[in-house]
Amino acid sequence: MTQTLVIPNRYMMRSAAAELSREELTARVPSAFAAKAHEATTERYSFFPTATVIDALRESGWAPVSVQEQTAREEGRKGFQKHLVRFHRRSELNTTPLGDSRIELVMMNSHDGGCAFRLYAGVFRQVCTNGLVVSDATFSAVSVRHTHRTIDEVITVSQKIAGNSDQIGSHIESFRQRTLSDEEKLNFASRALALRYDSVEESPVYPVKLLEPLRAADHGNSLWQTFNVVQERMIRGSRPDRLKALQEDRRIARVRKITGLDSQLQINRDLWALAASYLN
């Protein structure tokens, strides 16, 4: 299957500006360079080393530019836990071929049996250094079980993602061309909150708090601007909503930053799918 993708520090995120060396990667995500699988894995588990994939992707033109590593809940799993590496095509590192954005390849793996090896199509937005994830409907994610896959298969998938940049770029352009009314923007923010909370009433902020842009480039009524503003607030956290706190006699609250890798990927994919629904 196949998918597109945003992420924190606890996971050591770095602005995607330059290719990371092997030394930098080893220092930031040591779990990606485990020499063997964790001892708790079974005989059926086939070790699929992230480091080997990184080297192979480098050779095929992909540059690793940012990394995250999930905190190991058990001391014994430290060095084997879930990790995420983002790649940009080396030829595009100083460009934004999709207007203000460029295609990312997002890889997630673990060496303790915590997850399958996965590749996602992503979008890096230069203006805010945000990583977005494309929903399955646009371009599905590729999941590789730890069995007997080959590195060549991973390279083939990565080139397929690169080859679909026009399809993803077409979606982004449609987002830019779609103008939302104030009512539609509020509806978008309400539906976004529903992705994290049981109801808008139970959420810590009113939907309007998700529509507060952080920079001049995000002021506007396009679906692309609205999507990016809401996505950033949902992932990185919102400002305090003092009005809701006053009316409900509660402490000042805000949407908290998402720090879990799986939660970030899921919210990103769901938000992309939500934005795409406004094109219909």
Protein backbone atom coordinates (compact mmCIF):
# COMPACT_ATOMS: atom_id res chain seq x y z
CA MET A 1 0.00 0.00 0.00
CA THR A 2 1.16 3.71 -0.36
CA GLN A 3 0.73 7.23 1.65
CA THR A 4 1.97 11.08 1.92
CA LEU A 5 3.19 13.25 5.07
CA VAL A 6 4.81 16.53 9.63
CA ILE A 7 6.99 16.06 13.12
CA PRO A 8 8.87 17.42 16.96
CA ASN A 9 11.83 17.68 19.25
CA ARG A 10 12.07 14.91 21.38
CA TYR A 11 12.50 13.42 17.92
CA MET A 12 15.29 15.79 16.97
CA MET A 13 13.73 17.46 13.98
CA ARG A 14 15.93 19.70 11.89
CA SER A 15 15.00 22.19 9.21
CA ALA A 16 15.40 20.47 5.85
CA ALA A 17 18.09 22.73 4.40
CA ALA A 18 21.11 20.54 3.82
CA GLU A 19 22.06 16.91 3.41
CA LEU A 20 22.96 15.23 6.69
CA SER A 21 26.20 13.29 6.83
CA ARG A 22 26.40 9.73 8.17
CA GLU A 23 28.09 11.11 11.29
CA GLU A 24 25.23 13.56 11.91
CA LEU A 25 22.62 10.86 11.38
CA THR A 26 24.39 8.47 13.72
CA ALA A 27 24.51 11.12 16.44
CA ARG A 28 20.85 12.12 16.03
CA VAL A 29 19.18 8.75 15.44
CA PRO A 30 21.44 5.95 16.68
CA SER A 31 18.53 3.50 16.41
CA ALA A 32 18.72 3.80 12.61
CA PHE A 33 22.21 2.30 12.73
CA ALA A 34 21.51 -0.79 14.82
CA ALA A 35 23.73 -3.64 13.61
CA LYS A 36 21.13 -6.30 14.40
CA ALA A 37 17.52 -6.71 15.47
CA HIS A 38 16.50 -6.43 19.12
CA GLU A 39 16.81 -9.71 21.00
CA ALA A 40 13.07 -9.76 21.70
CA THR A 41 12.23 -10.29 18.01
CA THR A 42 11.37 -13.81 16.83
CA GLU A 43 13.09 -16.02 14.26
CA ARG A 44 10.45 -15.00 11.70
CA TYR A 45 11.59 -11.40 11.95
CA SER A 46 13.92 -10.45 9.11
CA PHE A 47 16.35 -7.64 9.96
CA PHE A 48 15.82 -4.78 7.48
CA PRO A 49 18.56 -2.25 8.34
CA THR A 50 17.69 1.42 8.00
CA ALA A 51 21.34 2.35 7.49
CA THR A 52 21.57 0.20 4.37
CA VAL A 53 18.43 1.79 2.95
CA ILE A 54 19.79 5.28 3.67
CA ASP A 55 23.00 4.49 1.78
CA ALA A 56 21.06 3.04 -1.15
CA LEU A 57 18.75 6.04 -1.35
CA ARG A 58 21.74 8.39 -1.27
CA GLU A 59 23.20 6.58 -4.26
CA SER A 60 19.91 6.95 -6.15
CA GLY A 61 19.78 10.72 -5.60
CA TRP A 62 17.88 11.13 -2.33
CA ALA A 63 19.48 13.26 0.42
CA PRO A 64 18.54 12.67 4.10
CA VAL A 65 17.69 16.09 5.53
CA SER A 66 15.91 15.60 8.87
CA VAL A 67 15.43 12.83 11.40
CA GLN A 68 13.35 11.90 14.43
CA GLU A 69 13.73 9.15 16.98
CA GLN A 70 10.97 8.07 19.32
CA THR A 71 11.79 7.89 23.00
CA ALA A 72 12.24 4.26 24.05
CA ARG A 73 9.81 3.37 26.84
CA GLU A 74 12.01 0.51 27.95
CA GLU A 75 15.72 1.01 28.56
CA GLY A 76 16.48 -2.30 26.87
CA ARG A 77 14.96 -1.12 23.59
CA LYS A 78 17.03 2.03 23.41
CA GLY A 79 18.99 2.00 20.17
CA PHE A 80 16.38 -0.15 18.40
CA GLN A 81 13.24 2.03 18.67
CA LYS A 82 11.06 3.59 16.01
CA HIS A 83 12.73 6.30 13.93
CA LEU A 84 11.90 8.48 10.95
CA VAL A 85 14.12 9.91 8.20
CA ARG A 86 13.09 12.49 5.62
CA PHE A 87 14.73 12.71 2.21
CA HIS A 88 14.68 15.35 -0.52
CA ARG A 89 15.92 14.82 -4.03
CA ARG A 90 19.46 16.15 -4.02
CA SER A 91 18.87 18.07 -7.23
CA GLU A 92 16.01 20.01 -5.57
CA LEU A 93 17.61 20.95 -2.24
CA ASN A 94 17.81 24.64 -3.15
CA THR A 95 14.61 24.82 -5.17
CA THR A 96 10.84 24.72 -4.66
CA PRO A 97 9.49 23.13 -7.86
CA LEU A 98 5.96 22.98 -6.42
CA GLY A 99 5.67 26.73 -5.90
CA ASP A 100 6.60 27.06 -2.24
CA SER A 101 7.19 23.34 -1.71
CA ARG A 102 9.04 20.24 -2.83
CA ILE A 103 8.50 16.49 -2.66
CA GLU A 104 9.77 14.51 0.31
CA LEU A 105 10.33 10.82 0.80
CA VAL A 106 9.51 9.88 4.40
CA MET A 107 10.82 6.62 5.79
CA MET A 108 9.85 5.05 9.11
CA ASN A 109 11.32 1.88 10.58
CA SER A 110 12.30 0.21 13.83
CA HIS A 111 14.61 -2.63 14.74
CA ASP A 112 12.63 -3.94 17.71
CA GLY A 113 9.56 -5.24 15.88
CA GLY A 114 7.63 -2.07 16.74
CA CYS A 115 6.57 -1.34 13.17
CA ALA A 116 6.95 -2.39 9.57
CA PHE A 117 9.32 -0.53 7.29
CA ARG A 118 7.23 2.22 5.66
CA LEU A 119 7.73 4.80 2.92
CA TYR A 120 5.46 7.83 2.49
CA ALA A 121 5.22 10.57 -0.08
CA GLY A 122 5.60 13.91 1.67
CA VAL A 123 5.64 17.61 0.89
CA PHE A 124 8.08 20.06 2.47
CA ARG A 125 6.80 23.64 2.58
CA GLN A 126 9.74 26.03 2.57
CA VAL A 127 7.99 29.06 4.08
CA CYS A 128 7.31 27.33 7.39
CA THR A 129 9.65 24.31 7.18
CA ASN A 130 6.56 22.14 7.62
CA GLY A 131 6.48 18.57 6.42
CA LEU A 132 3.07 17.52 5.09
CA VAL A 133 1.90 13.98 4.43
CA VAL A 134 -0.12 13.04 1.38
CA SER A 135 -3.22 10.98 2.05
CA ASP A 136 -3.68 7.47 0.70
CA ALA A 137 -6.23 8.70 -1.81
CA THR A 138 -3.56 10.89 -3.44
CA PHE A 139 -0.62 8.55 -3.14
CA SER A 140 -0.70 5.56 -0.82
CA ALA A 141 2.13 4.64 1.53
CA VAL A 142 4.31 1.61 0.98
CA SER A 143 4.60 -0.84 3.86
CA VAL A 144 7.30 -3.49 3.84
CA ARG A 145 7.10 -6.27 6.40
CA HIS A 146 10.29 -7.48 7.98
CA THR A 147 10.41 -10.62 5.91
CA HIS A 148 12.40 -10.97 2.71
CA ARG A 149 12.14 -7.71 0.80
CA THR A 150 15.17 -6.39 -1.03
CA ILE A 151 16.79 -2.97 -1.09
CA ASP A 152 16.15 -2.83 -4.83
CA GLU A 153 12.41 -2.95 -4.16
CA VAL A 154 12.70 0.02 -1.81
CA ILE A 155 14.60 2.00 -4.45
CA THR A 156 11.92 1.16 -7.01
CA VAL A 157 9.23 2.48 -4.68
CA SER A 158 11.21 5.68 -3.99
CA GLN A 159 11.49 6.37 -7.71
CA LYS A 160 7.76 5.75 -8.06
CA ILE A 161 7.10 8.41 -5.44
CA ALA A 162 9.41 10.81 -7.26
CA GLY A 163 7.61 10.04 -10.50
CA ASN A 164 4.29 11.01 -8.95
CA SER A 165 5.41 14.55 -8.12
CA ASP A 166 3.24 15.93 -10.94
CA GLN A 167 0.17 14.24 -9.46
CA ILE A 168 0.91 15.64 -6.00
CA GLY A 169 1.76 19.04 -7.46
CA SER A 170 -1.59 19.05 -9.24
CA HIS A 171 -3.36 18.55 -5.92
CA ILE A 172 -1.41 21.41 -4.35
CA GLU A 173 -2.30 23.71 -7.25
CA SER A 174 -5.97 22.79 -6.83
CA PHE A 175 -5.69 23.66 -3.13
CA ARG A 176 -4.22 27.04 -4.10
CA GLN A 177 -6.98 27.78 -6.59
CA ARG A 178 -9.84 26.88 -4.24
CA THR A 179 -11.05 29.92 -2.28
CA LEU A 180 -12.87 29.26 0.99
CA SER A 181 -15.56 31.44 2.51
CA ASP A 182 -15.25 32.39 6.18
CA GLU A 183 -17.92 29.81 6.95
CA GLU A 184 -15.98 27.11 5.08
CA LYS A 185 -12.74 28.00 6.88
CA LEU A 186 -14.47 27.68 10.24
CA ASN A 187 -16.00 24.39 9.13
CA PHE A 188 -12.55 23.13 8.09
CA ALA A 189 -11.11 24.03 11.51
CA SER A 190 -14.04 22.34 13.28
CA ARG A 191 -13.58 19.14 11.30
CA ALA A 192 -9.84 19.26 11.99
CA LEU A 193 -10.46 19.41 15.75
CA ALA A 194 -12.73 16.39 15.40
CA LEU A 195 -9.69 14.42 14.22
CA ARG A 196 -8.12 14.77 17.69
CA TYR A 197 -11.06 15.22 20.05
CA ASP A 198 -14.42 13.52 20.52
CA SER A 199 -16.23 16.78 19.81
CA VAL A 200 -15.57 20.49 19.33
CA GLU A 201 -17.19 21.09 22.68
CA GLU A 202 -14.64 18.84 24.39
CA SER A 203 -11.67 20.35 22.57
CA PRO A 204 -9.52 22.86 24.51
CA VAL A 205 -10.04 25.67 21.97
CA TYR A 206 -12.70 27.07 19.68
CA PRO A 207 -12.11 26.27 15.98
CA VAL A 208 -11.23 29.88 15.22
CA LYS A 209 -7.98 29.49 17.21
CA LEU A 210 -6.71 27.07 14.57
CA LEU A 211 -7.13 29.74 11.90
CA GLU A 212 -4.60 32.18 13.36
CA PRO A 213 -1.67 32.35 10.90
CA LEU A 214 1.89 32.59 12.14
CA ARG A 215 3.29 34.46 9.12
CA ALA A 216 2.23 36.91 6.42
CA ALA A 217 2.39 34.28 3.67
CA ASP A 218 -0.43 32.38 5.35
CA HIS A 219 -2.90 35.27 5.45
CA GLY A 220 -5.56 34.52 2.88
CA ASN A 221 -8.59 32.45 2.02
CA SER A 222 -7.19 29.74 -0.23
CA LEU A 223 -7.60 26.11 0.76
CA TRP A 224 -3.80 25.73 0.64
CA GLN A 225 -3.26 28.58 3.13
CA THR A 226 -6.05 27.39 5.41
CA PHE A 227 -4.82 23.80 5.33
CA ASN A 228 -1.26 24.83 6.21
CA VAL A 229 -2.32 27.15 9.03
CA VAL A 230 -4.58 24.53 10.61
CA GLN A 231 -2.02 21.77 10.10
CA GLU A 232 0.68 23.76 11.85
CA ARG A 233 -1.61 24.57 14.78
CA MET A 234 -2.71 20.95 15.08
CA ILE A 235 0.83 19.58 14.98
CA ARG A 236 2.84 22.26 16.76
CA GLY A 237 0.11 23.52 19.08
CA SER A 238 -2.23 26.51 19.21
CA ARG A 239 -2.22 29.71 21.18
CA PRO A 240 -4.17 29.70 24.47
CA ASP A 241 -7.92 30.18 24.09
CA ARG A 242 -8.69 32.53 26.99
CA LEU A 243 -12.30 33.08 25.90
CA LYS A 244 -13.16 29.38 26.05
CA ALA A 245 -11.36 29.05 29.36
CA LEU A 246 -13.32 31.99 30.81
CA GLN A 247 -16.69 30.81 29.53
CA GLU A 248 -16.15 27.26 30.76
CA ASP A 249 -14.42 28.24 34.00
CA ARG A 250 -11.34 26.21 33.24
CA ARG A 251 -7.62 26.84 33.17
CA ILE A 252 -6.33 28.47 30.01
CA ALA A 253 -5.94 25.65 27.50
CA ARG A 254 -4.51 25.14 24.06
CA VAL A 255 -4.10 22.41 21.48
CA ARG A 256 -0.92 20.68 22.57
CA LYS A 257 1.92 19.78 20.24
CA ILE A 258 1.79 16.22 18.94
CA THR A 259 5.01 14.38 19.73
CA GLY A 260 4.24 10.78 18.78
CA LEU A 261 5.44 9.72 15.34
CA ASP A 262 2.38 7.58 14.57
CA SER A 263 -0.01 10.31 15.75
CA GLN A 264 1.72 12.94 13.64
CA LEU A 265 1.61 10.80 10.52
CA GLN A 266 -2.05 9.94 11.06
CA ILE A 267 -3.13 13.55 11.65
CA ASN A 268 -1.16 14.68 8.62
CA ARG A 269 -2.75 12.12 6.33
CA ASP A 270 -6.21 12.86 7.73
CA LEU A 271 -5.77 16.62 7.27
CA TRP A 272 -4.66 16.14 3.67
CA ALA A 273 -7.74 14.01 3.02
CA LEU A 274 -9.90 16.64 4.72
CA ALA A 275 -8.49 19.36 2.47
CA ALA A 276 -9.05 17.21 -0.61
CA SER A 277 -12.73 16.82 0.33
CA TYR A 278 -13.21 20.57 -0.27
CA LEU A 279 -12.31 20.11 -3.93
CA ASN A 280 -15.40 18.00 -4.59
